Amino acid sequence: MPEWEYRKIDLNGPPPRKAFLGQCRMPPLNQAPILVVCDLAQLGGDLVSRIGHVVYAANEDEALQRLSQFKFTAAVLATTSSQDRLTAALVEKCVPCCILDTAASKPVNVANQETVVVYDIDLIVPTLQALIAQRNKKMSNS
């Protein structure tokens, strides 16, 4: 099995087995994939099934390598280790980022215009959709 995996999930097909009522799924993107960085296998699998068009990395070093190889629409960070270098690299490349932090005090915390921290996995897809729409609007106005 390769270090990383690139998957396209058919969003018109049946939902994943672990899907639950009310689960939000990303609509198909006509853009670059989303970088998902997660060091917990089960959570990573859940994120991949919700988001769909992704490049997966298990840690910060692997994610930095993927960032140098691919262009990304957005990123989701859900790791228990430090993400400082990766976050700085994402900001430098103007890649909007959603960070899953289950210990966060507020449901949604805007760190800056490109980075949003959420405390619930169910908030990731709507947050990504908002970040991508904001980025696309900003790019079309430039």
N, C-alpha and C. Protein backbone atom coordinates (compact mmCIF):
# COMPACT_ATOMS: atom_id res chain seq x y z
N MET A 1 0.84 -1.18 0.00
CA MET A 1 0.00 0.00 0.00
C MET A 1 0.89 1.24 0.00
N PRO A 2 0.61 2.25 -0.82
CA PRO A 2 1.45 3.44 -0.88
C PRO A 2 1.35 4.26 0.40
N GLU A 3 2.34 5.16 0.62
CA GLU A 3 2.34 6.03 1.79
C GLU A 3 1.09 6.88 1.84
N TRP A 4 0.63 7.35 0.70
CA TRP A 4 -0.55 8.20 0.64
C TRP A 4 -1.53 7.59 -0.34
N GLU A 5 -2.72 8.06 -0.25
CA GLU A 5 -3.74 7.51 -1.12
C GLU A 5 -4.57 8.65 -1.69
N TYR A 6 -4.84 8.59 -2.96
CA TYR A 6 -5.65 9.59 -3.65
C TYR A 6 -6.94 8.91 -4.04
N ARG A 7 -8.06 9.42 -3.54
CA ARG A 7 -9.33 8.77 -3.82
C ARG A 7 -10.35 9.76 -4.34
N LYS A 8 -11.18 9.28 -5.24
CA LYS A 8 -12.39 10.00 -5.62
C LYS A 8 -13.54 9.11 -5.19
N ILE A 9 -14.45 9.67 -4.44
CA ILE A 9 -15.59 8.91 -3.98
C ILE A 9 -16.82 9.40 -4.74
N ASP A 10 -17.60 8.48 -5.24
CA ASP A 10 -18.81 8.83 -5.97
C ASP A 10 -19.85 9.35 -5.00
N LEU A 11 -20.09 10.66 -5.02
CA LEU A 11 -21.04 11.26 -4.10
C LEU A 11 -22.48 11.01 -4.49
N ASN A 12 -22.70 10.51 -5.72
CA ASN A 12 -24.05 10.16 -6.14
C ASN A 12 -24.39 8.72 -5.79
N GLY A 13 -23.39 7.96 -5.37
CA GLY A 13 -23.60 6.57 -5.01
C GLY A 13 -24.13 6.44 -3.60
N PRO A 14 -24.21 5.20 -3.11
CA PRO A 14 -24.71 5.00 -1.75
C PRO A 14 -23.74 5.60 -0.73
N PRO A 15 -24.24 6.04 0.43
CA PRO A 15 -23.36 6.61 1.44
C PRO A 15 -22.45 5.54 2.03
N PRO A 16 -21.33 5.94 2.62
CA PRO A 16 -20.46 4.96 3.27
C PRO A 16 -21.22 4.22 4.37
N ARG A 17 -20.76 3.02 4.72
CA ARG A 17 -21.47 2.22 5.71
C ARG A 17 -21.60 2.92 7.06
N LYS A 18 -20.62 3.70 7.45
CA LYS A 18 -20.66 4.35 8.75
C LYS A 18 -21.37 5.69 8.72
N ALA A 19 -21.99 6.03 7.60
CA ALA A 19 -22.70 7.31 7.51
C ALA A 19 -23.89 7.29 8.45
N PHE A 20 -24.21 8.43 9.00
CA PHE A 20 -25.36 8.53 9.87
C PHE A 20 -26.26 9.64 9.37
N LEU A 21 -27.51 9.60 9.81
CA LEU A 21 -28.50 10.57 9.38
C LEU A 21 -28.02 11.98 9.69
N GLY A 22 -28.07 12.84 8.72
CA GLY A 22 -27.67 14.22 8.92
C GLY A 22 -26.20 14.48 8.60
N GLN A 23 -25.47 13.47 8.22
CA GLN A 23 -24.06 13.67 7.89
C GLN A 23 -23.94 14.52 6.64
N CYS A 24 -23.11 15.51 6.71
CA CYS A 24 -22.91 16.44 5.60
C CYS A 24 -21.79 15.91 4.71
N ARG A 25 -21.96 15.93 3.42
CA ARG A 25 -20.92 15.48 2.49
C ARG A 25 -20.62 16.59 1.51
N MET A 26 -19.37 16.67 1.09
CA MET A 26 -18.94 17.70 0.15
C MET A 26 -19.54 17.42 -1.22
N PRO A 27 -19.98 18.47 -1.92
CA PRO A 27 -20.38 18.28 -3.31
C PRO A 27 -19.14 18.06 -4.16
N PRO A 28 -19.29 17.51 -5.35
CA PRO A 28 -18.12 17.29 -6.21
C PRO A 28 -17.40 18.60 -6.51
N LEU A 29 -16.07 18.53 -6.50
CA LEU A 29 -15.26 19.71 -6.79
C LEU A 29 -14.76 19.65 -8.23
N ASN A 30 -14.70 20.77 -8.88
CA ASN A 30 -14.09 20.85 -10.20
C ASN A 30 -12.73 21.51 -10.05
N GLN A 31 -12.11 21.29 -8.91
CA GLN A 31 -10.85 21.94 -8.57
C GLN A 31 -9.87 20.90 -8.06
N ALA A 32 -8.75 21.41 -7.54
CA ALA A 32 -7.72 20.55 -6.96
C ALA A 32 -8.27 19.84 -5.73
N PRO A 33 -7.63 18.75 -5.31
CA PRO A 33 -8.12 18.01 -4.14
C PRO A 33 -7.91 18.79 -2.84
N ILE A 34 -8.46 18.24 -1.77
CA ILE A 34 -8.30 18.79 -0.44
C ILE A 34 -7.28 17.93 0.31
N LEU A 35 -6.36 18.58 0.99
CA LEU A 35 -5.36 17.87 1.78
C LEU A 35 -5.99 17.53 3.13
N VAL A 36 -5.98 16.24 3.49
CA VAL A 36 -6.46 15.79 4.79
C VAL A 36 -5.27 15.24 5.55
N VAL A 37 -4.99 15.83 6.71
CA VAL A 37 -3.88 15.39 7.55
C VAL A 37 -4.48 14.88 8.86
N CYS A 38 -4.32 13.59 9.12
CA CYS A 38 -4.91 12.99 10.32
C CYS A 38 -4.05 11.81 10.75
N ASP A 39 -3.70 11.78 12.04
CA ASP A 39 -2.87 10.69 12.55
C ASP A 39 -3.69 9.58 13.22
N LEU A 40 -4.99 9.69 13.19
CA LEU A 40 -5.87 8.64 13.73
C LEU A 40 -6.60 7.99 12.57
N ALA A 41 -6.34 6.70 12.35
CA ALA A 41 -6.84 6.00 11.16
C ALA A 41 -8.36 6.06 11.01
N GLN A 42 -9.11 5.80 12.07
CA GLN A 42 -10.57 5.78 11.96
C GLN A 42 -11.13 7.16 11.65
N LEU A 43 -10.61 8.19 12.31
CA LEU A 43 -11.04 9.56 12.04
C LEU A 43 -10.64 9.97 10.62
N GLY A 44 -9.44 9.58 10.20
CA GLY A 44 -8.99 9.87 8.84
C GLY A 44 -9.91 9.25 7.80
N GLY A 45 -10.31 8.01 8.01
CA GLY A 45 -11.24 7.34 7.10
C GLY A 45 -12.59 8.04 7.04
N ASP A 46 -13.05 8.51 8.20
CA ASP A 46 -14.32 9.23 8.26
C ASP A 46 -14.22 10.55 7.49
N LEU A 47 -13.11 11.27 7.66
CA LEU A 47 -12.91 12.53 6.93
C LEU A 47 -12.86 12.30 5.43
N VAL A 48 -12.14 11.27 5.01
CA VAL A 48 -12.03 10.96 3.57
C VAL A 48 -13.41 10.64 3.01
N SER A 49 -14.22 9.87 3.73
CA SER A 49 -15.55 9.52 3.21
C SER A 49 -16.48 10.72 3.17
N ARG A 50 -16.32 11.68 4.08
CA ARG A 50 -17.17 12.88 4.07
C ARG A 50 -16.75 13.86 2.98
N ILE A 51 -15.44 14.00 2.79
CA ILE A 51 -14.94 15.03 1.88
C ILE A 51 -14.84 14.53 0.45
N GLY A 52 -14.30 13.32 0.25
CA GLY A 52 -14.26 12.74 -1.08
C GLY A 52 -12.96 12.96 -1.82
N HIS A 53 -12.82 14.05 -2.50
CA HIS A 53 -11.70 14.33 -3.42
C HIS A 53 -10.49 14.81 -2.60
N VAL A 54 -9.67 13.86 -2.08
CA VAL A 54 -8.62 14.23 -1.14
C VAL A 54 -7.27 13.60 -1.48
N VAL A 55 -6.23 14.19 -0.90
CA VAL A 55 -4.91 13.57 -0.78
C VAL A 55 -4.70 13.46 0.72
N TYR A 56 -4.42 12.26 1.19
CA TYR A 56 -4.33 11.98 2.62
C TYR A 56 -2.87 11.92 3.07
N ALA A 57 -2.60 12.49 4.24
CA ALA A 57 -1.28 12.40 4.86
C ALA A 57 -1.48 12.07 6.34
N ALA A 58 -0.62 11.21 6.87
CA ALA A 58 -0.77 10.75 8.25
C ALA A 58 -0.06 11.63 9.28
N ASN A 59 0.85 12.51 8.82
CA ASN A 59 1.56 13.37 9.76
C ASN A 59 2.03 14.64 9.06
N GLU A 60 2.63 15.54 9.85
CA GLU A 60 3.03 16.83 9.31
C GLU A 60 4.11 16.72 8.24
N ASP A 61 5.10 15.86 8.44
CA ASP A 61 6.18 15.72 7.45
C ASP A 61 5.64 15.21 6.11
N GLU A 62 4.77 14.22 6.18
CA GLU A 62 4.18 13.69 4.95
C GLU A 62 3.31 14.75 4.27
N ALA A 63 2.59 15.53 5.07
CA ALA A 63 1.74 16.59 4.52
C ALA A 63 2.58 17.67 3.84
N LEU A 64 3.71 18.03 4.42
CA LEU A 64 4.59 19.02 3.80
C LEU A 64 5.12 18.52 2.47
N GLN A 65 5.41 17.22 2.41
CA GLN A 65 5.86 16.62 1.16
C GLN A 65 4.75 16.68 0.11
N ARG A 66 3.51 16.34 0.49
CA ARG A 66 2.38 16.40 -0.44
C ARG A 66 2.13 17.84 -0.90
N LEU A 67 2.32 18.79 0.01
CA LEU A 67 2.11 20.20 -0.32
C LEU A 67 3.09 20.67 -1.39
N SER A 68 4.27 20.09 -1.40
CA SER A 68 5.24 20.45 -2.44
C SER A 68 4.95 19.73 -3.76
N GLN A 69 4.17 18.64 -3.72
CA GLN A 69 3.87 17.86 -4.92
C GLN A 69 2.58 18.27 -5.63
N PHE A 70 1.60 18.74 -4.88
CA PHE A 70 0.27 19.00 -5.42
C PHE A 70 -0.20 20.41 -5.10
N LYS A 71 -1.19 20.86 -5.86
CA LYS A 71 -1.89 22.10 -5.57
C LYS A 71 -3.20 21.70 -4.88
N PHE A 72 -3.57 22.39 -3.80
CA PHE A 72 -4.75 22.02 -3.04
C PHE A 72 -5.77 23.15 -3.00
N THR A 73 -7.04 22.77 -2.98
CA THR A 73 -8.13 23.72 -2.84
C THR A 73 -8.24 24.19 -1.40
N ALA A 74 -8.05 23.26 -0.45
CA ALA A 74 -8.15 23.55 0.98
C ALA A 74 -7.46 22.42 1.74
N ALA A 75 -7.40 22.56 3.06
CA ALA A 75 -6.79 21.52 3.89
C ALA A 75 -7.61 21.33 5.15
N VAL A 76 -7.58 20.09 5.66
CA VAL A 76 -8.18 19.75 6.95
C VAL A 76 -7.08 19.14 7.80
N LEU A 77 -6.87 19.70 8.99
CA LEU A 77 -5.86 19.19 9.91
C LEU A 77 -6.56 18.61 11.13
N ALA A 78 -6.29 17.35 11.42
CA ALA A 78 -6.88 16.68 12.58
C ALA A 78 -5.82 15.78 13.19
N THR A 79 -4.79 16.38 13.75
CA THR A 79 -3.70 15.61 14.33
C THR A 79 -3.54 15.95 15.80
N THR A 80 -2.93 15.02 16.53
CA THR A 80 -2.68 15.26 17.95
C THR A 80 -1.31 15.90 18.17
N SER A 81 -0.49 15.94 17.14
CA SER A 81 0.85 16.52 17.26
C SER A 81 0.87 17.95 16.75
N SER A 82 2.00 18.60 16.89
CA SER A 82 2.16 19.99 16.46
C SER A 82 1.98 20.12 14.95
N GLN A 83 1.40 21.24 14.52
CA GLN A 83 1.14 21.48 13.11
C GLN A 83 1.68 22.84 12.67
N ASP A 84 2.59 23.40 13.45
CA ASP A 84 3.05 24.78 13.20
C ASP A 84 3.69 24.97 11.83
N ARG A 85 4.61 24.07 11.45
CA ARG A 85 5.28 24.21 10.15
C ARG A 85 4.27 24.07 9.01
N LEU A 86 3.36 23.12 9.14
CA LEU A 86 2.36 22.88 8.10
C LEU A 86 1.42 24.07 7.98
N THR A 87 0.95 24.57 9.11
CA THR A 87 0.04 25.72 9.08
C THR A 87 0.71 26.92 8.42
N ALA A 88 1.99 27.16 8.74
CA ALA A 88 2.72 28.27 8.12
C ALA A 88 2.85 28.06 6.61
N ALA A 89 3.12 26.83 6.19
CA ALA A 89 3.26 26.53 4.76
C ALA A 89 1.92 26.71 4.03
N LEU A 90 0.82 26.33 4.67
CA LEU A 90 -0.50 26.50 4.06
C LEU A 90 -0.84 27.98 3.90
N VAL A 91 -0.53 28.78 4.93
CA VAL A 91 -0.78 30.23 4.85
C VAL A 91 0.08 30.84 3.74
N GLU A 92 1.33 30.41 3.64
CA GLU A 92 2.24 30.93 2.61
C GLU A 92 1.72 30.63 1.21
N LYS A 93 1.11 29.44 1.03
CA LYS A 93 0.59 29.05 -0.29
C LYS A 93 -0.88 29.47 -0.48
N CYS A 94 -1.43 30.23 0.47
CA CYS A 94 -2.82 30.71 0.41
C CYS A 94 -3.83 29.58 0.29
N VAL A 95 -3.59 28.50 1.03
CA VAL A 95 -4.52 27.36 1.05
C VAL A 95 -5.38 27.50 2.31
N PRO A 96 -6.70 27.70 2.15
CA PRO A 96 -7.56 27.79 3.33
C PRO A 96 -7.53 26.49 4.12
N CYS A 97 -7.65 26.61 5.44
CA CYS A 97 -7.44 25.46 6.31
C CYS A 97 -8.52 25.38 7.39
N CYS A 98 -9.01 24.17 7.62
CA CYS A 98 -9.95 23.89 8.69
C CYS A 98 -9.25 22.94 9.66
N ILE A 99 -9.17 23.33 10.93
CA ILE A 99 -8.50 22.53 11.95
C ILE A 99 -9.55 21.94 12.88
N LEU A 100 -9.52 20.62 13.05
CA LEU A 100 -10.42 19.95 13.98
C LEU A 100 -9.73 19.90 15.34
N ASP A 101 -10.31 20.57 16.33
CA ASP A 101 -9.78 20.59 17.69
C ASP A 101 -10.93 20.32 18.64
N THR A 102 -11.05 19.07 19.10
CA THR A 102 -12.18 18.69 19.94
C THR A 102 -12.12 19.33 21.32
N ALA A 103 -11.00 19.93 21.68
CA ALA A 103 -10.88 20.61 22.97
C ALA A 103 -11.15 22.11 22.86
N ALA A 104 -11.54 22.57 21.69
CA ALA A 104 -11.79 24.01 21.50
C ALA A 104 -12.94 24.47 22.38
N SER A 105 -12.86 25.72 22.80
CA SER A 105 -13.89 26.26 23.69
C SER A 105 -15.15 26.71 22.96
N LYS A 106 -15.01 27.08 21.69
CA LYS A 106 -16.16 27.52 20.89
C LYS A 106 -16.35 26.57 19.72
N PRO A 107 -17.60 26.43 19.24
CA PRO A 107 -17.83 25.54 18.10
C PRO A 107 -17.01 25.91 16.87
N VAL A 108 -16.89 27.21 16.60
CA VAL A 108 -16.12 27.68 15.45
C VAL A 108 -15.29 28.87 15.91
N ASN A 109 -14.00 28.85 15.61
CA ASN A 109 -13.11 29.93 16.00
C ASN A 109 -12.29 30.32 14.78
N VAL A 110 -12.42 31.54 14.32
CA VAL A 110 -11.69 32.01 13.15
C VAL A 110 -10.33 32.51 13.61
N ALA A 111 -9.28 31.76 13.26
CA ALA A 111 -7.92 32.14 13.65
C ALA A 111 -7.44 33.30 12.77
N ASN A 112 -7.69 33.23 11.50
CA ASN A 112 -7.45 34.31 10.54
C ASN A 112 -8.36 34.05 9.35
N GLN A 113 -8.26 34.86 8.32
CA GLN A 113 -9.18 34.70 7.19
C GLN A 113 -9.06 33.36 6.50
N GLU A 114 -7.90 32.75 6.56
CA GLU A 114 -7.67 31.49 5.85
C GLU A 114 -7.74 30.25 6.75
N THR A 115 -7.81 30.43 8.08
CA THR A 115 -7.78 29.30 9.00
C THR A 115 -8.94 29.37 9.98
N VAL A 116 -9.70 28.27 10.05
CA VAL A 116 -10.83 28.20 10.97
C VAL A 116 -10.69 26.93 11.81
N VAL A 117 -10.89 27.06 13.12
CA VAL A 117 -10.83 25.92 14.04
C VAL A 117 -12.25 25.53 14.40
N VAL A 118 -12.58 24.24 14.26
CA VAL A 118 -13.90 23.74 14.64
C VAL A 118 -13.73 22.63 15.68
N TYR A 119 -14.75 22.43 16.51
CA TYR A 119 -14.63 21.41 17.56
C TYR A 119 -15.42 20.14 17.27
N ASP A 120 -16.14 20.10 16.18
CA ASP A 120 -16.98 18.96 15.87
C ASP A 120 -16.76 18.55 14.42
N ILE A 121 -16.63 17.26 14.19
CA ILE A 121 -16.38 16.75 12.83
C ILE A 121 -17.53 17.11 11.89
N ASP A 122 -18.74 17.24 12.42
CA ASP A 122 -19.89 17.59 11.57
C ASP A 122 -19.79 19.02 11.02
N LEU A 123 -18.93 19.84 11.59
CA LEU A 123 -18.77 21.23 11.13
C LEU A 123 -17.70 21.37 10.04
N ILE A 124 -16.95 20.30 9.78
CA ILE A 124 -15.84 20.40 8.83
C ILE A 124 -16.33 20.67 7.41
N VAL A 125 -17.28 19.91 6.91
CA VAL A 125 -17.72 20.08 5.52
C VAL A 125 -18.34 21.46 5.29
N PRO A 126 -19.27 21.94 6.14
CA PRO A 126 -19.79 23.29 5.90
C PRO A 126 -18.71 24.36 6.01
N THR A 127 -17.75 24.16 6.91
CA THR A 127 -16.66 25.13 7.05
C THR A 127 -15.79 25.14 5.80
N LEU A 128 -15.47 23.96 5.28
CA LEU A 128 -14.70 23.88 4.04
C LEU A 128 -15.44 24.55 2.89
N GLN A 129 -16.73 24.30 2.79
CA GLN A 129 -17.51 24.91 1.72
C GLN A 129 -17.45 26.43 1.81
N ALA A 130 -17.55 26.97 3.03
CA ALA A 130 -17.48 28.42 3.22
C ALA A 130 -16.10 28.96 2.89
N LEU A 131 -15.05 28.25 3.33
CA LEU A 131 -13.68 28.70 3.04
C LEU A 131 -13.40 28.69 1.54
N ILE A 132 -13.83 27.64 0.86
CA ILE A 132 -13.60 27.54 -0.59
C ILE A 132 -14.38 28.62 -1.33
N ALA A 133 -15.63 28.85 -0.93
CA ALA A 133 -16.43 29.90 -1.57
C ALA A 133 -15.80 31.27 -1.36
N GLN A 134 -15.31 31.52 -0.14
CA GLN A 134 -14.65 32.79 0.16
C GLN A 134 -13.38 32.96 -0.67
N ARG A 135 -12.61 31.88 -0.79
CA ARG A 135 -11.37 31.92 -1.59
C ARG A 135 -11.69 32.16 -3.06
N ASN A 136 -12.69 31.47 -3.59
CA ASN A 136 -13.07 31.64 -5.00
C ASN A 136 -13.56 33.05 -5.27
N LYS A 137 -14.33 33.61 -4.34
CA LYS A 137 -14.81 34.97 -4.49
C LYS A 137 -13.65 35.96 -4.49
N LYS A 138 -12.71 35.74 -3.58
CA LYS A 138 -11.54 36.61 -3.49
C LYS A 138 -10.70 36.52 -4.76
N MET A 139 -10.55 35.32 -5.32
CA MET A 139 -9.76 35.13 -6.53
C MET A 139 -10.45 35.77 -7.75
N SER A 140 -11.79 35.69 -7.81
CA SER A 140 -12.50 36.27 -8.94
C SER A 140 -12.52 37.81 -8.88
N ASN A 141 -12.40 38.37 -7.69
CA ASN A 141 -12.35 39.81 -7.54
C ASN A 141 -10.95 40.39 -7.81
N SER A 142 -9.93 39.53 -7.80
CA SER A 142 -8.56 40.02 -8.02
C SER A 142 -8.26 40.24 -9.48
